[in-house]
Amino acid sequence: MEDNTFLELIAINQGIIHKICRLYRDTQEDRQDLFQEIVYQLWRSVDNFRHQAKPSTFIYRIAINTAISSLRKDTTKKMIE
C-alpha cells in the first residue's frame, strides 16, 4: 500500500482509533503513545488485509488488540515492580 493511501485510511478512521485510546488510557500522554503504537501495528499489518471486511473493521480489530496488549504489558510491569 502506498504511503498516501495509508495516511488517508488513518485520517478517515482516526475517530475509531482515538475512541479506543480514550477507553483504554487515562492520560493524554498515554493516549498519544497508544495511538502511535496502533498506527505502527496497522502499518505492519496492512498488507495482510484481505478485503473480506470493511477497512474500518480491520482497523478496529488491530486497535483493540494493540490496546489490550499494551494494558497487559503495563500490568506485568507493575507486578514486577
PDB file of N, CA and C in Angstrom:
ATOM      1  N   MET A   1       0.852  -1.178   0.000  1.00  0.00           N
ATOM      2  CA  MET A   1       0.000   0.000   0.000  1.00  0.00           C
ATOM      3  C   MET A   1       0.894   1.237   0.000  1.00  0.00           C
ATOM      4  N   GLU A   2       0.519   2.192  -0.773  1.00  0.00           N
ATOM      5  CA  GLU A   2       1.286   3.432  -0.857  1.00  0.00           C
ATOM      6  C   GLU A   2       1.113   4.261   0.415  1.00  0.00           C
ATOM      7  N   ASP A   3       2.118   5.081   0.694  1.00  0.00           N
ATOM      8  CA  ASP A   3       2.098   5.915   1.897  1.00  0.00           C
ATOM      9  C   ASP A   3       0.871   6.820   1.943  1.00  0.00           C
ATOM     10  N   ASN A   4       0.548   7.465   0.824  1.00  0.00           N
ATOM     11  CA  ASN A   4      -0.595   8.382   0.798  1.00  0.00           C
ATOM     12  C   ASN A   4      -1.908   7.657   1.066  1.00  0.00           C
ATOM     13  N   THR A   5      -2.053   6.468   0.511  1.00  0.00           N
ATOM     14  CA  THR A   5      -3.270   5.683   0.729  1.00  0.00           C
ATOM     15  C   THR A   5      -3.395   5.302   2.195  1.00  0.00           C
ATOM     16  N   PHE A   6      -2.278   4.893   2.785  1.00  0.00           N
ATOM     17  CA  PHE A   6      -2.283   4.529   4.200  1.00  0.00           C
ATOM     18  C   PHE A   6      -2.648   5.731   5.066  1.00  0.00           C
ATOM     19  N   LEU A   7      -2.052   6.878   4.779  1.00  0.00           N
ATOM     20  CA  LEU A   7      -2.344   8.085   5.554  1.00  0.00           C
ATOM     21  C   LEU A   7      -3.806   8.503   5.415  1.00  0.00           C
ATOM     22  N   GLU A   8      -4.371   8.345   4.233  1.00  0.00           N
ATOM     23  CA  GLU A   8      -5.795   8.641   4.035  1.00  0.00           C
ATOM     24  C   GLU A   8      -6.658   7.695   4.865  1.00  0.00           C
ATOM     25  N   LEU A   9      -6.289   6.428   4.874  1.00  0.00           N
ATOM     26  CA  LEU A   9      -7.026   5.436   5.654  1.00  0.00           C
ATOM     27  C   LEU A   9      -7.005   5.785   7.140  1.00  0.00           C
ATOM     28  N   ILE A  10      -5.856   6.199   7.628  1.00  0.00           N
ATOM     29  CA  ILE A  10      -5.735   6.613   9.034  1.00  0.00           C
ATOM     30  C   ILE A  10      -6.567   7.867   9.282  1.00  0.00           C
ATOM     31  N   ALA A  11      -6.491   8.833   8.394  1.00  0.00           N
ATOM     32  CA  ALA A  11      -7.240  10.086   8.562  1.00  0.00           C
ATOM     33  C   ALA A  11      -8.742   9.831   8.593  1.00  0.00           C
ATOM     34  N   ILE A  12      -9.217   8.974   7.719  1.00  0.00           N
ATOM     35  CA  ILE A  12     -10.653   8.672   7.662  1.00  0.00           C
ATOM     36  C   ILE A  12     -11.121   7.965   8.927  1.00  0.00           C
ATOM     37  N   ASN A  13     -10.269   7.113   9.485  1.00  0.00           N
ATOM     38  CA  ASN A  13     -10.669   6.273  10.620  1.00  0.00           C
ATOM     39  C   ASN A  13     -10.031   6.689  11.938  1.00  0.00           C
ATOM     40  N   GLN A  14      -9.484   7.889  12.007  1.00  0.00           N
ATOM     41  CA  GLN A  14      -8.812   8.297  13.239  1.00  0.00           C
ATOM     42  C   GLN A  14      -9.771   8.404  14.424  1.00  0.00           C
ATOM     43  N   GLY A  15     -11.042   8.658  14.154  1.00  0.00           N
ATOM     44  CA  GLY A  15     -12.026   8.718  15.236  1.00  0.00           C
ATOM     45  C   GLY A  15     -12.133   7.402  15.984  1.00  0.00           C
ATOM     46  N   ILE A  16     -12.103   6.302  15.257  1.00  0.00           N
ATOM     47  CA  ILE A  16     -12.147   4.973  15.871  1.00  0.00           C
ATOM     48  C   ILE A  16     -10.923   4.774  16.759  1.00  0.00           C
ATOM     49  N   ILE A  17      -9.769   5.132  16.230  1.00  0.00           N
ATOM     50  CA  ILE A  17      -8.524   4.941  16.974  1.00  0.00           C
ATOM     51  C   ILE A  17      -8.509   5.813  18.224  1.00  0.00           C
ATOM     52  N   HIS A  18      -8.908   7.075  18.092  1.00  0.00           N
ATOM     53  CA  HIS A  18      -8.932   7.970  19.255  1.00  0.00           C
ATOM     54  C   HIS A  18      -9.921   7.477  20.311  1.00  0.00           C
ATOM     55  N   LYS A  19     -11.045   6.958  19.893  1.00  0.00           N
ATOM     56  CA  LYS A  19     -12.035   6.444  20.849  1.00  0.00           C
ATOM     57  C   LYS A  19     -11.449   5.292  21.663  1.00  0.00           C
ATOM     58  N   ILE A  20     -10.775   4.389  21.000  1.00  0.00           N
ATOM     59  CA  ILE A  20     -10.164   3.262  21.704  1.00  0.00           C
ATOM     60  C   ILE A  20      -9.073   3.752  22.645  1.00  0.00           C
ATOM     61  N   CYS A  21      -8.297   4.720  22.207  1.00  0.00           N
ATOM     62  CA  CYS A  21      -7.254   5.283  23.069  1.00  0.00           C
ATOM     63  C   CYS A  21      -7.858   5.905  24.324  1.00  0.00           C
ATOM     64  N   ARG A  22      -8.983   6.600  24.172  1.00  0.00           N
ATOM     65  CA  ARG A  22      -9.650   7.209  25.335  1.00  0.00           C
ATOM     66  C   ARG A  22     -10.213   6.145  26.275  1.00  0.00           C
ATOM     67  N   LEU A  23     -10.684   5.043  25.718  1.00  0.00           N
ATOM     68  CA  LEU A  23     -11.258   3.984  26.544  1.00  0.00           C
ATOM     69  C   LEU A  23     -10.200   3.217  27.335  1.00  0.00           C
ATOM     70  N   TYR A  24      -9.029   3.064  26.757  1.00  0.00           N
ATOM     71  CA  TYR A  24      -8.015   2.204  27.361  1.00  0.00           C
ATOM     72  C   TYR A  24      -6.919   2.944  28.111  1.00  0.00           C
ATOM     73  N   ARG A  25      -6.830   4.260  27.960  1.00  0.00           N
ATOM     74  CA  ARG A  25      -5.778   5.033  28.620  1.00  0.00           C
ATOM     75  C   ARG A  25      -6.352   6.255  29.314  1.00  0.00           C
ATOM     76  N   ASP A  26      -5.757   6.608  30.460  1.00  0.00           N
ATOM     77  CA  ASP A  26      -6.264   7.718  31.264  1.00  0.00           C
ATOM     78  C   ASP A  26      -5.634   9.061  30.911  1.00  0.00           C
ATOM     79  N   THR A  27      -4.337   9.087  30.719  1.00  0.00           N
ATOM     80  CA  THR A  27      -3.659  10.365  30.493  1.00  0.00           C
ATOM     81  C   THR A  27      -3.484  10.645  29.002  1.00  0.00           C
ATOM     82  N   GLN A  28      -3.370  11.906  28.677  1.00  0.00           N
ATOM     83  CA  GLN A  28      -3.190  12.319  27.282  1.00  0.00           C
ATOM     84  C   GLN A  28      -1.898  11.743  26.703  1.00  0.00           C
ATOM     85  N   GLU A  29      -0.859  11.745  27.506  1.00  0.00           N
ATOM     86  CA  GLU A  29       0.428  11.211  27.049  1.00  0.00           C
ATOM     87  C   GLU A  29       0.320   9.722  26.715  1.00  0.00           C
ATOM     88  N   ASP A  30      -0.344   8.971  27.585  1.00  0.00           N
ATOM     89  CA  ASP A  30      -0.537   7.541  27.335  1.00  0.00           C
ATOM     90  C   ASP A  30      -1.411   7.303  26.109  1.00  0.00           C
ATOM     91  N   ARG A  31      -2.401   8.157  25.910  1.00  0.00           N
ATOM     92  CA  ARG A  31      -3.261   8.035  24.724  1.00  0.00           C
ATOM     93  C   ARG A  31      -2.468   8.284  23.449  1.00  0.00           C
ATOM     94  N   GLN A  32      -1.589   9.269  23.484  1.00  0.00           N
ATOM     95  CA  GLN A  32      -0.759   9.558  22.309  1.00  0.00           C
ATOM     96  C   GLN A  32       0.184   8.390  22.010  1.00  0.00           C
ATOM     97  N   ASP A  33       0.765   7.830  23.062  1.00  0.00           N
ATOM     98  CA  ASP A  33       1.645   6.673  22.880  1.00  0.00           C
ATOM     99  C   ASP A  33       0.880   5.495  22.283  1.00  0.00           C
ATOM    100  N   LEU A  34      -0.318   5.250  22.806  1.00  0.00           N
ATOM    101  CA  LEU A  34      -1.132   4.151  22.289  1.00  0.00           C
ATOM    102  C   LEU A  34      -1.534   4.414  20.843  1.00  0.00           C
ATOM    103  N   PHE A  35      -1.896   5.647  20.519  1.00  0.00           N
ATOM    104  CA  PHE A  35      -2.251   5.995  19.141  1.00  0.00           C
ATOM    105  C   PHE A  35      -1.088   5.674  18.203  1.00  0.00           C
ATOM    106  N   GLN A  36       0.112   6.070  18.592  1.00  0.00           N
ATOM    107  CA  GLN A  36       1.289   5.799  17.766  1.00  0.00           C
ATOM    108  C   GLN A  36       1.525   4.301  17.610  1.00  0.00           C
ATOM    109  N   GLU A  37       1.349   3.566  18.682  1.00  0.00           N
ATOM    110  CA  GLU A  37       1.541   2.115  18.617  1.00  0.00           C
ATOM    111  C   GLU A  37       0.506   1.461  17.702  1.00  0.00           C
ATOM    112  N   ILE A  38      -0.727   1.932  17.763  1.00  0.00           N
ATOM    113  CA  ILE A  38      -1.779   1.400  16.891  1.00  0.00           C
ATOM    114  C   ILE A  38      -1.452   1.683  15.432  1.00  0.00           C
ATOM    115  N   VAL A  39      -1.039   2.897  15.124  1.00  0.00           N
ATOM    116  CA  VAL A  39      -0.689   3.239  13.737  1.00  0.00           C
ATOM    117  C   VAL A  39       0.485   2.379  13.268  1.00  0.00           C
ATOM    118  N   TYR A  40       1.450   2.165  14.137  1.00  0.00           N
ATOM    119  CA  TYR A  40       2.587   1.305  13.792  1.00  0.00           C
ATOM    120  C   TYR A  40       2.119  -0.121  13.487  1.00  0.00           C
ATOM    121  N   GLN A  41       1.260  -0.654  14.340  1.00  0.00           N
ATOM    122  CA  GLN A  41       0.755  -2.014  14.124  1.00  0.00           C
ATOM    123  C   GLN A  41      -0.075  -2.096  12.846  1.00  0.00           C
ATOM    124  N   LEU A  42      -0.839  -1.058  12.561  1.00  0.00           N
ATOM    125  CA  LEU A  42      -1.599  -1.028  11.307  1.00  0.00           C
ATOM    126  C   LEU A  42      -0.658  -1.034  10.110  1.00  0.00           C
ATOM    127  N   TRP A  43       0.405  -0.249  10.182  1.00  0.00           N
ATOM    128  CA  TRP A  43       1.381  -0.197   9.090  1.00  0.00           C
ATOM    129  C   TRP A  43       1.996  -1.587   8.855  1.00  0.00           C
ATOM    130  N   ARG A  44       2.293  -2.291   9.947  1.00  0.00           N
ATOM    131  CA  ARG A  44       2.866  -3.633   9.829  1.00  0.00           C
ATOM    132  C   ARG A  44       1.861  -4.642   9.275  1.00  0.00           C
ATOM    133  N   SER A  45       0.576  -4.445   9.543  1.00  0.00           N
ATOM    134  CA  SER A  45      -0.452  -5.425   9.210  1.00  0.00           C
ATOM    135  C   SER A  45      -1.223  -5.121   7.938  1.00  0.00           C
ATOM    136  N   VAL A  46      -1.075  -3.951   7.392  1.00  0.00           N
ATOM    137  CA  VAL A  46      -1.937  -3.521   6.291  1.00  0.00           C
ATOM    138  C   VAL A  46      -1.835  -4.444   5.074  1.00  0.00           C
ATOM    139  N   ASP A  47      -0.687  -5.034   4.846  1.00  0.00           N
ATOM    140  CA  ASP A  47      -0.553  -5.942   3.706  1.00  0.00           C
ATOM    141  C   ASP A  47      -1.302  -7.257   3.920  1.00  0.00           C
ATOM    142  N   ASN A  48      -1.677  -7.547   5.165  1.00  0.00           N
ATOM    143  CA  ASN A  48      -2.447  -8.759   5.465  1.00  0.00           C
ATOM    144  C   ASN A  48      -3.950  -8.557   5.305  1.00  0.00           C
ATOM    145  N   PHE A  49      -4.368  -7.332   5.067  1.00  0.00           N
ATOM    146  CA  PHE A  49      -5.796  -7.044   4.901  1.00  0.00           C
ATOM    147  C   PHE A  49      -6.293  -7.720   3.628  1.00  0.00           C
ATOM    148  N   ARG A  50      -7.319  -8.594   3.786  1.00  0.00           N
ATOM    149  CA  ARG A  50      -7.800  -9.409   2.668  1.00  0.00           C
ATOM    150  C   ARG A  50      -9.059  -8.865   2.010  1.00  0.00           C
ATOM    151  N   HIS A  51      -9.519  -7.721   2.437  1.00  0.00           N
ATOM    152  CA  HIS A  51     -10.705  -7.078   1.857  1.00  0.00           C
ATOM    153  C   HIS A  51     -11.967  -7.929   2.010  1.00  0.00           C
ATOM    154  N   GLN A  52     -12.015  -8.775   3.032  1.00  0.00           N
ATOM    155  CA  GLN A  52     -13.217  -9.550   3.315  1.00  0.00           C
ATOM    156  C   GLN A  52     -14.153  -8.780   4.238  1.00  0.00           C
ATOM    157  N   ALA A  53     -13.648  -7.714   4.805  1.00  0.00           N
ATOM    158  CA  ALA A  53     -14.440  -6.851   5.683  1.00  0.00           C
ATOM    159  C   ALA A  53     -14.110  -5.405   5.324  1.00  0.00           C
ATOM    160  N   LYS A  54     -14.846  -4.491   5.935  1.00  0.00           N
ATOM    161  CA  LYS A  54     -14.559  -3.075   5.698  1.00  0.00           C
ATOM    162  C   LYS A  54     -13.216  -2.711   6.337  1.00  0.00           C
ATOM    163  N   PRO A  55     -12.514  -1.759   5.757  1.00  0.00           N
ATOM    164  CA  PRO A  55     -11.253  -1.320   6.360  1.00  0.00           C
ATOM    165  C   PRO A  55     -11.434  -0.854   7.809  1.00  0.00           C
ATOM    166  N   SER A  56     -12.572  -0.243   8.111  1.00  0.00           N
ATOM    167  CA  SER A  56     -12.800   0.228   9.483  1.00  0.00           C
ATOM    168  C   SER A  56     -12.865  -0.941  10.465  1.00  0.00           C
ATOM    169  N   THR A  57     -13.390  -2.077  10.037  1.00  0.00           N
ATOM    170  CA  THR A  57     -13.433  -3.267  10.891  1.00  0.00           C
ATOM    171  C   THR A  57     -12.022  -3.770  11.155  1.00  0.00           C
ATOM    172  N   PHE A  58     -11.215  -3.808  10.124  1.00  0.00           N
ATOM    173  CA  PHE A  58      -9.819  -4.224  10.249  1.00  0.00           C
ATOM    174  C   PHE A  58      -9.072  -3.298  11.212  1.00  0.00           C
ATOM    175  N   ILE A  59      -9.247  -2.004  11.038  1.00  0.00           N
ATOM    176  CA  ILE A  59      -8.590  -1.019  11.898  1.00  0.00           C
ATOM    177  C   ILE A  59      -9.055  -1.170  13.339  1.00  0.00           C
ATOM    178  N   TYR A  60     -10.349  -1.369  13.534  1.00  0.00           N
ATOM    179  CA  TYR A  60     -10.907  -1.538  14.878  1.00  0.00           C
ATOM    180  C   TYR A  60     -10.272  -2.739  15.577  1.00  0.00           C
ATOM    181  N   ARG A  61     -10.168  -3.869  14.871  1.00  0.00           N
ATOM    182  CA  ARG A  61      -9.605  -5.074  15.492  1.00  0.00           C
ATOM    183  C   ARG A  61      -8.134  -4.875  15.849  1.00  0.00           C
ATOM    184  N   ILE A  62      -7.381  -4.288  14.945  1.00  0.00           N
ATOM    185  CA  ILE A  62      -5.962  -4.033  15.223  1.00  0.00           C
ATOM    186  C   ILE A  62      -5.834  -3.087  16.418  1.00  0.00           C
ATOM    187  N   ALA A  63      -6.660  -2.053  16.459  1.00  0.00           N
ATOM    188  CA  ALA A  63      -6.607  -1.073  17.550  1.00  0.00           C
ATOM    189  C   ALA A  63      -6.961  -1.717  18.888  1.00  0.00           C
ATOM    190  N   ILE A  64      -8.020  -2.507  18.914  1.00  0.00           N
ATOM    191  CA  ILE A  64      -8.422  -3.182  20.158  1.00  0.00           C
ATOM    192  C   ILE A  64      -7.325  -4.136  20.624  1.00  0.00           C
ATOM    193  N   ASN A  65      -6.822  -4.950  19.714  1.00  0.00           N
ATOM    194  CA  ASN A  65      -5.784  -5.913  20.088  1.00  0.00           C
ATOM    195  C   ASN A  65      -4.521  -5.214  20.583  1.00  0.00           C
ATOM    196  N   THR A  66      -4.157  -4.117  19.961  1.00  0.00           N
ATOM    197  CA  THR A  66      -2.981  -3.360  20.388  1.00  0.00           C
ATOM    198  C   THR A  66      -3.209  -2.746  21.765  1.00  0.00           C
ATOM    199  N   ALA A  67      -4.397  -2.212  22.000  1.00  0.00           N
ATOM    200  CA  ALA A  67      -4.717  -1.616  23.303  1.00  0.00           C
ATOM    201  C   ALA A  67      -4.684  -2.668  24.407  1.00  0.00           C
ATOM    202  N   ILE A  68      -5.239  -3.834  24.139  1.00  0.00           N
ATOM    203  CA  ILE A  68      -5.239  -4.914  25.137  1.00  0.00           C
ATOM    204  C   ILE A  68      -3.811  -5.374  25.418  1.00  0.00           C
ATOM    205  N   SER A  69      -3.013  -5.530  24.380  1.00  0.00           N
ATOM    206  CA  SER A  69      -1.610  -5.921  24.568  1.00  0.00           C
ATOM    207  C   SER A  69      -0.855  -4.889  25.393  1.00  0.00           C
ATOM    208  N   SER A  70      -1.139  -3.633  25.145  1.00  0.00           N
ATOM    209  CA  SER A  70      -0.498  -2.554  25.888  1.00  0.00           C
ATOM    210  C   SER A  70      -0.864  -2.616  27.372  1.00  0.00           C
ATOM    211  N   LEU A  71      -2.133  -2.870  27.644  1.00  0.00           N
ATOM    212  CA  LEU A  71      -2.568  -2.996  29.041  1.00  0.00           C
ATOM    213  C   LEU A  71      -1.889  -4.177  29.724  1.00  0.00           C
ATOM    214  N   ARG A  72      -1.774  -5.283  29.024  1.00  0.00           N
ATOM    215  CA  ARG A  72      -1.110  -6.463  29.595  1.00  0.00           C
ATOM    216  C   ARG A  72       0.342  -6.163  29.936  1.00  0.00           C
ATOM    217  N   LYS A  73       1.031  -5.472  29.037  1.00  0.00           N
ATOM    218  CA  LYS A  73       2.427  -5.113  29.291  1.00  0.00           C
ATOM    219  C   LYS A  73       2.540  -4.239  30.529  1.00  0.00           C
ATOM    220  N   ASP A  74       1.654  -3.260  30.658  1.00  0.00           N
ATOM    221  CA  ASP A  74       1.689  -2.368  31.818  1.00  0.00           C
ATOM    222  C   ASP A  74       1.376  -3.114  33.104  1.00  0.00           C
ATOM    223  N   THR A  75       0.428  -4.027  33.047  1.00  0.00           N
ATOM    224  CA  THR A  75       0.076  -4.816  34.227  1.00  0.00           C
ATOM    225  C   THR A  75       1.259  -5.669  34.658  1.00  0.00           C
ATOM    226  N   THR A  76       1.936  -6.272  33.703  1.00  0.00           N
ATOM    227  CA  THR A  76       3.106  -7.092  34.005  1.00  0.00           C
ATOM    228  C   THR A  76       4.215  -6.245  34.613  1.00  0.00           C
ATOM    229  N   LYS A  77       4.448  -5.057  34.075  1.00  0.00           N
ATOM    230  CA  LYS A  77       5.468  -4.159  34.620  1.00  0.00           C
ATOM    231  C   LYS A  77       5.162  -3.795  36.068  1.00  0.00           C
ATOM    232  N   LYS A  78       3.891  -3.492  36.351  1.00  0.00           N
ATOM    233  CA  LYS A  78       3.502  -3.102  37.704  1.00  0.00           C
ATOM    234  C   LYS A  78       3.653  -4.261  38.675  1.00  0.00           C
ATOM    235  N   MET A  79       3.378  -5.477  38.220  1.00  0.00           N
ATOM    236  CA  MET A  79       3.509  -6.650  39.081  1.00  0.00           C
ATOM    237  C   MET A  79       4.971  -6.919  39.414  1.00  0.00           C
ATOM    238  N   ILE A  80       5.861  -6.662  38.467  1.00  0.00           N
ATOM    239  CA  ILE A  80       7.287  -6.891  38.683  1.00  0.00           C
ATOM    240  C   ILE A  80       7.858  -5.871  39.655  1.00  0.00           C
ATOM    241  N   GLU A  81       7.387  -4.636  39.558  1.00  0.00           N
ATOM    242  CA  GLU A  81       7.880  -3.569  40.440  1.00  0.00           C
ATOM    243  C   GLU A  81       7.370  -3.831  41.817  1.00  0.00           C
TER     244      GLU A  81
END
